[in-house]
Amino acid sequence: MSTLRNPVLRTWETVLTEHSTSVRTARRLIREQLNSWGWSGDPVDDLVLIASELVTNAVVHACHGQGEVGLSLQEFDGDCRLEVRDPRGDLRVRRPHPRRFTEGGRGIELVRQLAVDFGVIVRRDAGKRVWVRVLLDPDNNRPSPGS
C-alpha cells in the first residue's frame, strides 16, 4: 500500500488584467488570502511586497497590451510558494546592477533577499513563471545564504 501524500495543504489562484490597478489588487488579494489561511505578521508582509514587485515587473515589462498576469499561492508545511505568470517567455529575469541614484533595478534583488528560494520557469510560447518560497512558520529558521 502506498503512503504517498500530497504536501500541498492549500492552493489559491487568480488572473489579473494588465492595468495600472493590478499591482494594488494583487497586494490586497495576497494579504486577504494569507490572512484567511490564518497567517499574519512579517511573512505575510514579505509576500505582499514580493507580489507587488513581481506583478509590477509583469505589467510594466512583459504584458504590453498582450496578456494577463496570473497569481497563485501554495501553502505547505509552514512554507508558502507564490508564483507570478506573464506572457513573455523571451523576457528573462536578470540580476540587476542598479545605479546609485536611480529608482529602478532593485526589485528583483529585494525579492531574492526576502525569499528563502526563488526561480524562473520559461516555457516556449507559453510565457514565464517567476516563483518564490517564503517560510510562513515562525518556528522554521531560514537557511543561511549559500547553504
Protein backbone atom coordinates (compact mmCIF):
# COMPACT_ATOMS: atom_id res chain seq x y z
CA MET A 1 0.00 0.00 0.00
CA SER A 2 1.36 3.40 -0.95
CA THR A 3 1.81 6.04 1.74
CA LEU A 4 2.48 8.95 -0.63
CA ARG A 5 0.82 12.15 0.40
CA ASN A 6 0.38 15.45 -1.33
CA PRO A 7 2.28 18.04 0.72
CA VAL A 8 0.23 20.99 -0.62
CA LEU A 9 -2.26 21.93 2.07
CA ARG A 10 -3.99 24.85 0.37
CA THR A 11 -3.93 26.50 -3.02
CA TRP A 12 -5.32 29.70 -4.48
CA GLU A 13 -5.04 31.38 -7.85
CA THR A 14 -6.40 34.28 -9.84
CA VAL A 15 -5.76 36.18 -13.04
CA LEU A 16 -5.33 39.93 -13.23
CA THR A 17 -5.75 42.07 -16.30
CA GLU A 18 -2.92 44.27 -17.43
CA HIS A 19 -3.96 47.51 -15.78
CA SER A 20 -2.44 50.17 -13.55
CA THR A 21 -4.54 48.92 -10.63
CA SER A 22 -3.34 45.30 -10.94
CA VAL A 23 -0.44 45.75 -8.50
CA ARG A 24 -2.67 47.20 -5.79
CA THR A 25 -5.22 44.43 -6.42
CA ALA A 26 -2.51 41.77 -6.17
CA ARG A 27 -1.29 43.13 -2.82
CA ARG A 28 -4.83 43.16 -1.41
CA LEU A 29 -5.71 39.67 -2.68
CA ILE A 30 -2.48 38.08 -1.41
CA ARG A 31 -2.91 39.62 2.05
CA GLU A 32 -6.58 38.60 2.23
CA GLN A 33 -5.86 35.04 1.14
CA LEU A 34 -2.97 34.51 3.57
CA ASN A 35 -4.98 36.06 6.41
CA SER A 36 -7.90 33.73 5.59
CA TRP A 37 -5.46 30.82 5.99
CA GLY A 38 -4.51 32.13 9.44
CA TRP A 39 -1.14 33.68 8.55
CA SER A 40 -0.09 37.12 9.77
CA GLY A 41 2.97 39.24 10.53
CA ASP A 42 6.27 39.62 8.69
CA PRO A 43 5.94 36.61 6.35
CA VAL A 44 2.65 37.97 5.01
CA ASP A 45 4.16 41.44 4.62
CA ASP A 46 7.13 39.90 2.79
CA LEU A 47 4.87 38.01 0.37
CA VAL A 48 2.77 41.09 -0.27
CA LEU A 49 5.91 43.10 -1.07
CA ILE A 50 7.27 40.33 -3.29
CA ALA A 51 3.95 40.06 -5.14
CA SER A 52 3.98 43.81 -5.63
CA GLU A 53 7.46 43.74 -7.18
CA LEU A 54 6.79 40.74 -9.43
CA VAL A 55 3.38 41.93 -10.64
CA THR A 56 4.83 45.39 -11.32
CA ASN A 57 7.56 43.79 -13.45
CA ALA A 58 5.00 41.69 -15.33
CA VAL A 59 2.66 44.62 -16.03
CA VAL A 60 5.37 47.15 -16.92
CA HIS A 61 7.81 44.95 -18.83
CA ALA A 62 6.05 41.79 -20.01
CA CYS A 63 2.42 42.42 -20.90
CA HIS A 64 2.49 45.42 -23.25
CA GLY A 65 -1.19 45.02 -24.08
CA GLN A 66 -0.77 41.32 -24.83
CA GLY A 67 -1.89 39.47 -21.80
CA GLU A 68 -2.79 38.86 -18.27
CA VAL A 69 -0.85 38.26 -15.09
CA GLY A 70 -1.54 35.07 -13.18
CA LEU A 71 -1.05 34.76 -9.43
CA SER A 72 -1.05 31.62 -7.35
CA LEU A 73 -0.26 30.61 -3.80
CA GLN A 74 0.52 27.16 -2.46
CA GLU A 75 0.82 26.69 1.28
CA PHE A 76 2.53 23.56 2.55
CA ASP A 77 4.34 22.50 5.71
CA GLY A 78 4.97 26.03 7.01
CA ASP A 79 6.06 27.39 3.64
CA CYS A 80 4.26 29.39 1.00
CA ARG A 81 5.08 29.42 -2.71
CA LEU A 82 3.98 32.46 -4.68
CA GLU A 83 4.01 32.31 -8.45
CA VAL A 84 3.50 35.17 -10.91
CA ARG A 85 2.89 34.25 -14.55
CA ASP A 86 3.23 36.54 -17.56
CA PRO A 87 3.09 36.04 -21.35
CA ARG A 88 6.74 36.88 -22.15
CA GLY A 89 8.97 33.83 -22.07
CA ASP A 90 11.52 35.72 -24.13
CA LEU A 91 12.00 38.37 -21.43
CA ARG A 92 14.43 36.94 -18.88
CA VAL A 93 14.82 37.89 -15.23
CA ARG A 94 18.35 39.23 -14.79
CA ARG A 95 20.42 40.13 -11.79
CA PRO A 96 20.25 43.90 -11.88
CA HIS A 97 23.07 46.34 -11.43
CA PRO A 98 21.24 49.40 -10.10
CA ARG A 99 22.95 52.73 -10.20
CA ARG A 100 23.33 54.68 -7.03
CA PHE A 101 20.77 57.42 -7.71
CA THR A 102 18.25 55.59 -9.89
CA GLU A 103 14.93 54.22 -8.70
CA GLY A 104 14.77 51.10 -10.86
CA GLY A 105 16.67 47.85 -10.77
CA ARG A 106 16.33 46.93 -7.11
CA GLY A 107 13.08 44.94 -7.10
CA ILE A 108 14.40 41.51 -8.06
CA GLU A 109 17.29 41.83 -5.61
CA LEU A 110 14.78 42.67 -2.87
CA VAL A 111 12.73 39.62 -3.86
CA ARG A 112 15.84 37.42 -3.67
CA GLN A 113 16.63 38.74 -0.18
CA LEU A 114 13.12 38.20 1.21
CA ALA A 115 12.55 34.74 -0.26
CA VAL A 116 14.07 31.54 1.04
CA ASP A 117 14.07 30.23 -2.54
CA PHE A 118 13.49 31.84 -5.95
CA GLY A 119 13.31 30.69 -9.55
CA VAL A 120 12.05 31.25 -13.06
CA ILE A 121 10.39 28.71 -15.34
CA VAL A 122 10.33 29.64 -19.03
CA ARG A 123 8.15 27.73 -21.45
CA ARG A 124 8.49 28.21 -25.18
CA ASP A 125 5.43 30.09 -26.48
CA ALA A 126 3.81 29.89 -23.04
CA GLY A 127 5.40 32.76 -21.11
CA LYS A 128 7.26 32.54 -17.87
CA ARG A 129 6.58 31.83 -14.22
CA VAL A 130 8.55 33.59 -11.54
CA TRP A 131 8.20 31.82 -8.22
CA VAL A 132 9.36 32.43 -4.68
CA ARG A 133 9.14 30.49 -1.46
CA VAL A 134 8.77 32.17 1.92
CA LEU A 135 8.68 30.47 5.30
CA LEU A 136 5.38 31.21 6.99
CA ASP A 137 6.01 29.09 10.05
CA PRO A 138 7.93 31.23 12.57
CA ASP A 139 9.37 28.06 14.14
CA ASN A 140 11.20 27.23 10.91
CA ASN A 141 14.51 29.03 10.56
CA ARG A 142 15.68 30.38 7.23
CA PRO A 143 18.80 28.72 5.90
CA SER A 144 21.79 30.99 5.80
CA PRO A 145 22.73 32.37 2.39
CA GLY A 146 24.82 29.94 0.40
CA SER A 147 23.75 26.87 2.36
